[in-house]
N, C-alpha and C. Protein backbone atom coordinates (compact mmCIF):
# COMPACT_ATOMS: atom_id res chain seq x y z
N MET A 1 17.83 -4.37 26.82
CA MET A 1 18.40 -6.05 26.07
C MET A 1 17.23 -5.47 24.49
N GLN A 2 18.27 -6.03 23.60
CA GLN A 2 17.49 -5.12 21.81
C GLN A 2 16.28 -6.43 21.79
N LEU A 3 15.87 -6.01 21.87
CA LEU A 3 14.37 -7.51 20.59
C LEU A 3 14.63 -8.12 19.54
N THR A 4 14.60 -9.35 19.02
CA THR A 4 14.99 -8.86 17.88
C THR A 4 13.21 -10.12 17.66
N HIS A 5 12.68 -10.61 16.35
CA HIS A 5 11.70 -11.04 16.10
C HIS A 5 11.32 -12.97 16.60
N TYR A 6 12.23 -13.27 17.23
CA TYR A 6 11.89 -14.06 18.24
C TYR A 6 11.34 -13.55 19.20
N ASN A 7 11.69 -12.66 20.31
CA ASN A 7 10.80 -12.61 21.61
C ASN A 7 10.68 -11.54 21.43
N THR A 8 9.87 -10.85 20.67
CA THR A 8 8.99 -9.64 20.70
C THR A 8 7.39 -10.40 21.83
N ASN A 9 7.06 -9.39 21.82
CA ASN A 9 5.80 -9.35 22.52
C ASN A 9 4.77 -8.80 21.51
N PHE A 10 5.09 -8.70 19.74
CA PHE A 10 4.05 -8.64 18.70
C PHE A 10 3.13 -9.60 18.59
N LYS A 11 1.53 -9.37 18.36
CA LYS A 11 0.75 -10.01 18.37
C LYS A 11 0.67 -10.42 17.08
N GLN A 12 -0.16 -11.57 16.21
CA GLN A 12 -0.05 -11.34 14.45
C GLN A 12 -1.47 -10.91 14.74
N HIS A 13 -1.31 -10.49 13.41
CA HIS A 13 -3.22 -9.99 13.17
C HIS A 13 -3.31 -9.29 12.08
N VAL A 14 -4.18 -9.53 10.93
CA VAL A 14 -4.12 -9.65 9.95
C VAL A 14 -4.96 -8.68 9.69
N PHE A 15 -5.48 -7.79 8.94
CA PHE A 15 -6.34 -6.47 9.12
C PHE A 15 -6.93 -6.85 7.60
N PRO A 16 -7.95 -5.91 7.53
CA PRO A 16 -8.98 -6.27 5.91
C PRO A 16 -8.28 -5.19 4.89
N ILE A 17 -6.90 -5.26 5.03
CA ILE A 17 -6.25 -4.39 3.63
C ILE A 17 -6.20 -5.01 2.85
N THR A 18 -5.70 -4.59 1.36
CA THR A 18 -5.45 -4.76 0.14
C THR A 18 -4.60 -3.93 -0.33
N LEU A 19 -3.83 -3.84 -0.13
CA LEU A 19 -2.70 -2.70 -0.96
C LEU A 19 -2.56 -2.67 -2.51
N VAL A 20 -3.16 -2.32 -3.82
CA VAL A 20 -2.84 -2.86 -4.93
C VAL A 20 -1.82 -0.98 -5.05
N CYS A 21 -0.99 -2.11 -6.10
CA CYS A 21 0.49 -1.16 -5.95
C CYS A 21 0.21 -0.33 -8.00
N ASP A 22 -0.10 0.86 -8.55
CA ASP A 22 -0.73 0.81 -9.85
C ASP A 22 1.29 1.33 -10.18
N ASN A 23 1.36 0.58 -10.47
CA ASN A 23 3.27 0.25 -11.38
C ASN A 23 3.47 0.48 -10.72
N VAL A 24 3.83 0.31 -9.94
CA VAL A 24 5.36 0.85 -8.97
C VAL A 24 6.21 -0.33 -9.62
N THR A 25 6.93 -0.89 -9.69
CA THR A 25 8.23 -1.31 -11.13
C THR A 25 9.66 -1.70 -9.89
N ASN A 26 10.63 -1.23 -9.09
CA ASN A 26 11.07 -1.11 -9.26
C ASN A 26 11.61 -1.99 -8.42
N ALA A 27 12.46 -2.68 -8.30
CA ALA A 27 12.61 -3.73 -7.36
C ALA A 27 12.83 -4.37 -6.37
N ALA A 28 13.32 -2.74 -5.49
CA ALA A 28 13.86 -2.56 -4.06
C ALA A 28 12.80 -1.88 -3.24
N ASN A 29 11.87 -1.27 -4.58
CA ASN A 29 10.03 -1.27 -3.82
C ASN A 29 9.22 -1.79 -3.46
N ILE A 30 9.88 -2.37 -4.45
CA ILE A 30 8.48 -3.70 -4.46
C ILE A 30 8.77 -5.05 -3.45
N GLY A 31 10.34 -5.06 -3.08
CA GLY A 31 10.87 -6.17 -2.08
C GLY A 31 10.44 -5.59 -0.92
N SER A 32 10.32 -4.40 -0.63
CA SER A 32 10.13 -3.46 0.23
C SER A 32 9.02 -3.54 1.06
N LEU A 33 8.01 -3.15 0.18
CA LEU A 33 6.59 -3.54 -0.14
C LEU A 33 6.03 -4.70 0.51
N PHE A 34 6.86 -5.77 0.37
CA PHE A 34 7.06 -7.35 0.22
C PHE A 34 6.98 -7.81 2.38
N ARG A 35 7.93 -6.67 2.80
CA ARG A 35 8.23 -6.30 4.20
C ARG A 35 7.25 -5.31 5.11
N ILE A 36 7.07 -4.67 4.89
CA ILE A 36 6.37 -4.04 5.12
C ILE A 36 4.43 -4.51 4.96
N ALA A 37 4.39 -5.01 4.11
CA ALA A 37 2.83 -6.06 3.83
C ALA A 37 2.90 -7.42 5.23
N ASP A 38 3.99 -7.05 4.84
CA ASP A 38 4.06 -8.86 6.12
C ASP A 38 3.94 -7.72 7.63
N ALA A 39 4.69 -6.67 7.70
CA ALA A 39 4.94 -5.96 9.06
C ALA A 39 3.52 -5.68 9.51
N PHE A 40 3.10 -4.72 9.01
CA PHE A 40 1.33 -4.31 9.21
C PHE A 40 0.30 -5.69 8.87
N GLY A 41 0.48 -6.67 8.65
CA GLY A 41 -0.52 -7.68 8.53
C GLY A 41 -1.34 -7.33 7.59
N ILE A 42 -1.23 -6.60 6.37
CA ILE A 42 -2.05 -6.73 5.51
C ILE A 42 -2.30 -8.57 5.06
N GLU A 43 -4.18 -7.73 4.38
CA GLU A 43 -4.70 -9.28 3.67
C GLU A 43 -3.85 -9.80 2.47
N LYS A 44 -3.03 -8.64 1.91
CA LYS A 44 -2.80 -9.23 0.32
C LYS A 44 -2.50 -7.76 0.09
N LEU A 45 -1.10 -8.22 -1.11
CA LEU A 45 -0.72 -7.22 -1.45
C LEU A 45 -1.12 -7.74 -3.26
N VAL A 46 -1.24 -6.56 -4.32
CA VAL A 46 -1.68 -6.87 -5.46
C VAL A 46 -0.77 -5.58 -6.21
N LEU A 47 0.23 -6.36 -7.23
CA LEU A 47 1.18 -5.65 -8.00
C LEU A 47 0.59 -5.30 -9.37
N CYS A 48 0.40 -4.86 -9.86
CA CYS A 48 -0.11 -3.87 -11.00
C CYS A 48 1.03 -3.42 -12.50
N GLY A 49 0.78 -3.76 -13.56
CA GLY A 49 1.73 -3.32 -14.61
C GLY A 49 2.57 -4.65 -15.01
N PRO A 50 2.92 -3.73 -16.37
CA PRO A 50 2.94 -4.90 -17.46
C PRO A 50 4.64 -4.90 -16.82
N ASN A 51 5.12 -4.39 -16.45
CA ASN A 51 6.23 -5.14 -16.28
C ASN A 51 6.87 -5.60 -15.06
N ILE A 52 6.52 -6.45 -14.57
CA ILE A 52 6.39 -6.46 -12.76
C ILE A 52 7.45 -7.95 -12.95
N THR A 53 8.63 -7.94 -12.32
CA THR A 53 9.05 -9.46 -12.08
C THR A 53 9.39 -8.98 -10.20
N LEU A 54 10.06 -10.91 -10.15
CA LEU A 54 9.95 -10.94 -9.45
C LEU A 54 11.67 -11.98 -9.11
N GLY A 55 12.45 -10.72 -9.29
CA GLY A 55 14.09 -11.67 -9.49
C GLY A 55 14.62 -11.70 -8.42
N ARG A 56 16.20 -11.86 -8.31
CA ARG A 56 17.01 -11.60 -7.00
C ARG A 56 17.36 -10.57 -6.32
N LYS A 57 16.79 -9.37 -6.82
CA LYS A 57 16.76 -8.32 -6.00
C LYS A 57 15.72 -8.02 -5.04
N VAL A 58 14.20 -8.15 -4.88
CA VAL A 58 13.14 -8.82 -5.09
C VAL A 58 13.10 -9.18 -4.17
N ALA A 59 14.05 -10.34 -3.72
CA ALA A 59 13.62 -11.43 -2.62
C ALA A 59 14.81 -11.00 -1.71
N LYS A 60 16.15 -10.35 -2.16
CA LYS A 60 17.31 -9.72 -1.86
C LYS A 60 16.36 -8.53 -0.67
N THR A 61 15.45 -7.80 -1.18
CA THR A 61 14.73 -6.77 -0.12
C THR A 61 13.37 -6.81 0.78
N SER A 62 13.21 -7.70 0.41
CA SER A 62 11.99 -8.69 0.92
C SER A 62 12.53 -9.26 2.06
N ARG A 63 13.63 -9.89 1.72
CA ARG A 63 14.31 -10.88 3.13
C ARG A 63 13.05 -12.10 3.21
N ALA A 64 12.30 -12.95 2.84
CA ALA A 64 12.36 -13.95 2.17
C ALA A 64 10.50 -13.50 2.46
N THR A 65 9.96 -12.41 2.91
CA THR A 65 8.47 -12.03 2.92
C THR A 65 7.81 -12.12 1.73
N GLU A 66 8.74 -12.42 1.49
CA GLU A 66 7.74 -13.04 -0.66
C GLU A 66 6.89 -14.47 -0.82
N LYS A 67 8.31 -14.91 0.67
CA LYS A 67 7.14 -16.45 0.86
C LYS A 67 5.93 -15.91 1.66
N ILE A 68 5.84 -15.84 2.49
CA ILE A 68 4.47 -15.52 3.09
C ILE A 68 3.64 -14.23 2.94
N VAL A 69 3.79 -13.86 2.44
CA VAL A 69 2.44 -12.10 2.12
C VAL A 69 2.22 -12.93 0.83
N LYS A 70 0.22 -13.22 1.52
CA LYS A 70 -0.74 -13.66 -0.24
C LYS A 70 -0.17 -11.82 -0.73
N PHE A 71 -0.05 -12.43 -2.46
CA PHE A 71 -0.23 -11.38 -3.40
C PHE A 71 -1.41 -11.66 -4.65
N ASP A 72 -0.90 -10.92 -5.42
CA ASP A 72 -1.37 -11.31 -6.93
C ASP A 72 -0.05 -10.03 -7.95
N LYS A 73 -0.16 -10.71 -8.70
CA LYS A 73 1.50 -9.99 -10.62
C LYS A 73 -0.70 -10.12 -11.25
N THR A 74 -0.65 -8.64 -11.72
CA THR A 74 -2.00 -8.19 -12.92
C THR A 74 -0.98 -7.18 -13.45
N GLU A 75 -1.83 -7.08 -14.42
CA GLU A 75 -1.12 -6.15 -15.18
C GLU A 75 -1.70 -4.81 -15.16
N SER A 76 -3.60 -4.37 -14.95
CA SER A 76 -4.21 -3.69 -14.95
C SER A 76 -5.02 -3.18 -13.57
N ALA A 77 -4.13 -1.77 -13.14
CA ALA A 77 -4.73 -1.91 -11.90
C ALA A 77 -6.36 -1.02 -11.53
N ILE A 78 -6.31 -0.56 -12.73
CA ILE A 78 -8.02 -0.15 -13.02
C ILE A 78 -8.83 -1.30 -12.74
N ASP A 79 -8.60 -2.98 -13.81
CA ASP A 79 -9.67 -3.30 -13.63
C ASP A 79 -9.32 -4.24 -12.14
N VAL A 80 -8.67 -4.04 -11.24
CA VAL A 80 -8.53 -4.34 -9.62
C VAL A 80 -9.38 -3.55 -9.25
N ILE A 81 -8.96 -2.53 -9.77
CA ILE A 81 -9.93 -1.30 -8.65
C ILE A 81 -11.59 -1.30 -8.90
N LYS A 82 -11.93 -1.99 -9.99
CA LYS A 82 -12.70 -1.84 -10.21
C LYS A 82 -13.65 -3.09 -9.55
N THR A 83 -13.09 -3.86 -9.62
CA THR A 83 -13.61 -5.51 -8.91
C THR A 83 -13.70 -4.96 -7.48
N LEU A 84 -12.22 -4.92 -7.34
CA LEU A 84 -12.49 -4.55 -6.00
C LEU A 84 -13.71 -3.43 -4.99
N LYS A 85 -14.25 -2.83 -5.79
CA LYS A 85 -14.69 -1.57 -6.03
C LYS A 85 -16.79 -1.93 -4.98
N THR A 86 -16.68 -3.03 -6.97
CA THR A 86 -17.99 -3.72 -7.03
C THR A 86 -18.07 -4.78 -5.87
N ASP A 87 -17.26 -6.03 -5.63
CA ASP A 87 -16.83 -6.49 -4.22
C ASP A 87 -17.43 -5.53 -3.11
N GLY A 88 -17.03 -3.95 -2.72
CA GLY A 88 -17.92 -3.63 -1.54
C GLY A 88 -16.43 -2.95 -0.97
N HIS A 89 -15.44 -2.92 -1.43
CA HIS A 89 -14.35 -2.20 -0.72
C HIS A 89 -14.29 -1.45 -0.91
N LEU A 90 -13.75 0.17 -0.26
CA LEU A 90 -13.67 0.81 0.64
C LEU A 90 -12.04 1.07 -0.40
N ILE A 91 -12.16 2.20 -1.25
CA ILE A 91 -10.73 2.19 -2.23
C ILE A 91 -10.10 3.80 -1.59
N ILE A 92 -9.02 3.91 -1.21
CA ILE A 92 -8.41 4.80 -0.46
C ILE A 92 -6.70 5.07 -1.65
N SER A 93 -7.09 5.86 -2.40
CA SER A 93 -6.31 6.77 -3.12
C SER A 93 -4.98 7.50 -2.44
N LEU A 94 -3.72 6.98 -2.49
CA LEU A 94 -2.39 7.82 -1.94
C LEU A 94 -1.91 8.55 -2.39
N GLU A 95 -1.75 9.65 -2.35
CA GLU A 95 -1.72 11.03 -3.93
C GLU A 95 -2.04 12.40 -3.18
N ILE A 96 -1.05 13.11 -4.11
CA ILE A 96 -1.41 15.17 -3.21
C ILE A 96 -2.22 15.39 -4.54
N THR A 97 -3.35 15.35 -4.82
CA THR A 97 -4.28 15.88 -5.10
C THR A 97 -4.86 17.93 -4.85
N SER A 98 -5.80 18.25 -5.68
CA SER A 98 -6.34 19.54 -5.17
C SER A 98 -7.61 19.06 -4.10
N GLN A 99 -7.79 18.21 -4.02
CA GLN A 99 -9.16 17.65 -3.43
C GLN A 99 -8.32 16.77 -2.21
N SER A 100 -7.05 16.16 -2.21
CA SER A 100 -7.33 15.29 -1.36
C SER A 100 -7.27 16.31 -0.06
N GLN A 101 -7.50 14.76 0.68
CA GLN A 101 -7.49 15.16 2.88
C GLN A 101 -5.97 14.33 3.25
N ALA A 102 -5.85 15.50 4.42
CA ALA A 102 -4.49 15.21 4.95
C ALA A 102 -4.90 13.53 6.15
N ILE A 103 -4.12 12.95 5.55
CA ILE A 103 -3.97 11.85 6.51
C ILE A 103 -3.62 11.11 8.35
N HIS A 104 -3.62 12.83 8.59
CA HIS A 104 -3.64 12.57 9.89
C HIS A 104 -5.16 13.19 10.17
N THR A 105 -5.94 13.52 9.29
CA THR A 105 -7.45 13.99 10.00
C THR A 105 -8.54 13.09 9.22
N PHE A 106 -8.29 12.03 8.79
CA PHE A 106 -9.20 11.06 8.03
C PHE A 106 -9.26 10.15 8.93
N GLN A 107 -10.18 10.06 9.06
CA GLN A 107 -11.36 9.15 9.74
C GLN A 107 -11.63 8.18 9.21
N ILE A 108 -10.69 6.72 9.21
CA ILE A 108 -11.15 5.40 8.50
C ILE A 108 -13.11 4.98 8.57
N SER A 109 -13.62 3.95 7.99
CA SER A 109 -14.80 3.39 8.19
C SER A 109 -14.73 2.20 8.64
N GLN A 110 -15.13 2.01 9.57
CA GLN A 110 -14.62 0.05 9.58
C GLN A 110 -15.82 -0.96 9.28
N ASP A 111 -16.46 -0.45 8.60
CA ASP A 111 -17.50 -1.41 7.83
C ASP A 111 -17.21 -1.48 6.43
N LYS A 112 -15.67 -1.86 6.40
CA LYS A 112 -15.51 -2.44 4.34
C LYS A 112 -14.75 -3.11 4.39
N PRO A 113 -13.57 -3.49 4.01
CA PRO A 113 -12.60 -3.81 3.78
C PRO A 113 -12.05 -3.05 3.00
N ILE A 114 -11.23 -2.74 3.08
CA ILE A 114 -9.77 -1.15 2.66
C ILE A 114 -9.27 -1.29 1.72
N VAL A 115 -9.16 -0.87 0.74
CA VAL A 115 -8.04 -0.96 -0.52
C VAL A 115 -6.59 0.44 -0.32
N LEU A 116 -6.07 -0.06 -0.10
CA LEU A 116 -4.93 1.29 -0.15
C LEU A 116 -4.55 1.30 -1.82
N VAL A 117 -4.68 2.32 -2.42
CA VAL A 117 -3.73 2.46 -3.75
C VAL A 117 -2.49 3.67 -3.54
N ILE A 118 -2.01 2.56 -3.86
CA ILE A 118 -0.07 3.49 -4.01
C ILE A 118 -0.18 3.45 -5.73
N GLY A 119 0.83 4.38 -6.40
CA GLY A 119 1.33 5.10 -7.37
C GLY A 119 3.01 4.87 -7.73
N ASP A 120 3.02 4.36 -8.60
CA ASP A 120 4.14 4.67 -10.31
C ASP A 120 5.36 5.74 -9.34
N GLU A 121 6.16 5.36 -9.49
CA GLU A 121 7.26 5.80 -8.68
C GLU A 121 7.42 7.74 -8.65
N ASN A 122 7.46 7.29 -10.70
CA ASN A 122 7.03 9.06 -11.50
C ASN A 122 5.85 9.27 -11.26
N PHE A 123 5.31 9.39 -11.68
CA PHE A 123 3.19 9.51 -12.46
C PHE A 123 2.22 9.27 -11.21
N GLY A 124 2.55 8.85 -9.66
CA GLY A 124 1.48 8.62 -8.46
C GLY A 124 0.96 7.02 -9.15
N VAL A 125 -0.72 7.31 -8.02
CA VAL A 125 -1.73 7.26 -8.95
C VAL A 125 -2.56 7.66 -10.22
N SER A 126 -2.89 7.09 -11.10
CA SER A 126 -3.46 6.98 -11.82
C SER A 126 -4.16 8.11 -12.12
N GLU A 127 -4.51 8.53 -13.10
CA GLU A 127 -6.31 9.01 -12.93
C GLU A 127 -7.18 8.76 -12.83
N SER A 128 -7.48 8.24 -13.42
CA SER A 128 -8.45 6.90 -13.99
C SER A 128 -8.75 6.03 -12.59
N ILE A 129 -7.95 5.94 -11.96
CA ILE A 129 -8.18 5.50 -10.62
C ILE A 129 -8.63 6.23 -9.54
N LEU A 130 -7.94 7.58 -9.32
CA LEU A 130 -8.07 8.58 -8.36
C LEU A 130 -9.85 8.97 -8.62
N LYS A 131 -10.56 9.06 -10.30
CA LYS A 131 -11.55 8.93 -10.03
C LYS A 131 -12.39 8.13 -9.33
N ILE A 132 -12.23 7.18 -9.41
CA ILE A 132 -13.61 6.46 -9.35
C ILE A 132 -12.65 5.89 -7.22
N SER A 133 -12.26 6.49 -6.82
CA SER A 133 -11.79 6.30 -5.12
C SER A 133 -12.70 6.90 -4.57
N ASP A 134 -13.24 6.69 -3.27
CA ASP A 134 -13.74 6.50 -2.53
C ASP A 134 -13.08 7.64 -1.59
N HIS A 135 -12.32 8.15 -1.58
CA HIS A 135 -11.66 9.12 -0.66
C HIS A 135 -9.54 9.28 -1.94
N VAL A 136 -9.18 9.69 -1.38
CA VAL A 136 -8.24 10.36 -1.94
C VAL A 136 -7.65 11.30 -0.52
N ILE A 137 -6.23 10.36 0.01
CA ILE A 137 -5.62 10.99 0.89
C ILE A 137 -4.07 11.70 0.28
N HIS A 138 -3.43 12.52 1.11
CA HIS A 138 -2.24 12.55 1.17
C HIS A 138 -1.23 12.88 3.11
N ILE A 139 -0.39 12.94 2.70
CA ILE A 139 0.66 12.90 3.43
C ILE A 139 1.45 14.62 3.94
N ASP A 140 1.27 15.57 4.67
CA ASP A 140 1.48 16.57 4.78
C ASP A 140 2.89 16.34 5.14
N MET A 141 2.98 16.88 4.43
CA MET A 141 5.44 17.63 3.65
C MET A 141 5.16 19.17 4.40
N TYR A 142 6.52 19.00 4.47
CA TYR A 142 7.13 20.71 5.23
C TYR A 142 8.41 21.11 4.44
N GLY A 143 8.94 20.15 3.89
CA GLY A 143 10.11 20.50 2.66
C GLY A 143 10.06 21.04 1.14
N ARG A 144 10.44 21.32 0.74
CA ARG A 144 10.93 22.22 -0.55
C ARG A 144 9.83 20.92 -1.80
N ASN A 145 9.94 19.50 -1.14
CA ASN A 145 10.33 18.60 -2.15
C ASN A 145 8.02 18.22 -1.76
N SER A 146 8.22 17.71 -3.59
CA SER A 146 6.33 17.85 -3.13
C SER A 146 5.94 15.90 -3.72
N SER A 147 6.39 15.37 -2.59
CA SER A 147 7.15 13.73 -3.06
C SER A 147 7.51 12.84 -2.47
N MET A 148 7.05 11.97 -1.69
CA MET A 148 8.31 10.95 -0.86
C MET A 148 8.43 9.77 -1.60
N ASN A 149 9.58 9.17 -1.52
CA ASN A 149 9.48 7.31 -1.50
C ASN A 149 8.05 6.56 -1.07
N VAL A 150 7.47 5.68 -2.74
CA VAL A 150 6.18 5.24 -2.61
C VAL A 150 5.98 5.02 -1.48
N VAL A 151 7.71 3.91 -0.85
CA VAL A 151 7.51 2.65 0.06
C VAL A 151 7.10 3.74 1.51
N GLN A 152 8.09 4.54 1.75
CA GLN A 152 8.15 5.57 2.70
C GLN A 152 6.21 6.03 2.51
N ALA A 153 6.08 6.44 2.26
CA ALA A 153 4.50 6.57 2.02
C ALA A 153 4.14 5.64 2.41
N ALA A 154 4.25 4.65 1.86
CA ALA A 154 3.04 3.52 2.27
C ALA A 154 2.85 2.98 4.14
N ASN A 155 4.77 3.44 4.24
CA ASN A 155 4.66 2.92 5.54
C ASN A 155 3.60 3.84 6.10
N ILE A 156 3.40 4.75 6.09
CA ILE A 156 3.05 6.10 7.03
C ILE A 156 1.48 5.83 6.79
N ALA A 157 0.93 5.82 5.63
CA ALA A 157 0.06 5.02 5.47
C ALA A 157 -0.91 3.76 6.14
N LEU A 158 -0.27 3.19 6.02
CA LEU A 158 -0.53 1.75 6.86
C LEU A 158 -0.23 1.91 8.28
N TYR A 159 0.59 2.43 8.64
CA TYR A 159 0.91 2.90 9.93
C TYR A 159 -0.45 3.71 10.63
N GLU A 160 -1.43 4.43 10.15
CA GLU A 160 -1.78 4.97 10.59
C GLU A 160 -3.31 4.01 9.96
N LEU A 161 -3.50 4.12 9.26
CA LEU A 161 -4.81 2.92 8.99
C LEU A 161 -4.84 2.46 10.08
N THR A 162 -3.63 1.56 10.57
CA THR A 162 -3.62 0.07 10.77
C THR A 162 -4.33 0.29 12.78
N LYS A 163 -3.71 1.41 12.83
CA LYS A 163 -4.02 2.20 14.53
C LYS A 163 -5.53 2.07 13.87
N GLN A 164 -5.57 3.10 13.56
CA GLN A 164 -7.77 3.27 13.47
C GLN A 164 -7.79 2.03 13.71
N LEU A 165 -7.46 1.09 13.09
CA LEU A 165 -8.72 -0.44 12.89
C LEU A 165 -7.95 -1.19 14.45
N LEU A 166 -7.12 -0.64 15.28
CA LEU A 166 -7.04 -1.76 16.14
C LEU A 166 -8.51 -1.58 17.22
């Protein structure tokens, strides 16, 4: 028998993870990020950028999770990251760089709350954030394309991180 969200045996859990979105502006992506924030039990979602709107398209894609996930909207991702770093958070950016580490080899430290930074749909995580990140991780890819959808990448990263925190 297929189970629904009313009869699964999943236990609710909140992980000390804040997902910071550096200029992720597509409404469908934002709605999907609310859904995965809820699904993975992250503490907070922070939407950063000048053109973030939470309209009908976000609500439709989020399937009402925008009403239950803690979130903030702000203009500057770098300001948010600097504040969280000062407050003792571990800053992990999800980006392919010449120095990034494959996520499947990354071992998370459990002594600090975590910030996972994901980037703009076209340009990724900004250079200024990459420079102050404690770690930069990437997802190994085996096709010809050098990137994947930001939400799909966030799904994979949150799965890996929460798996280590259990």
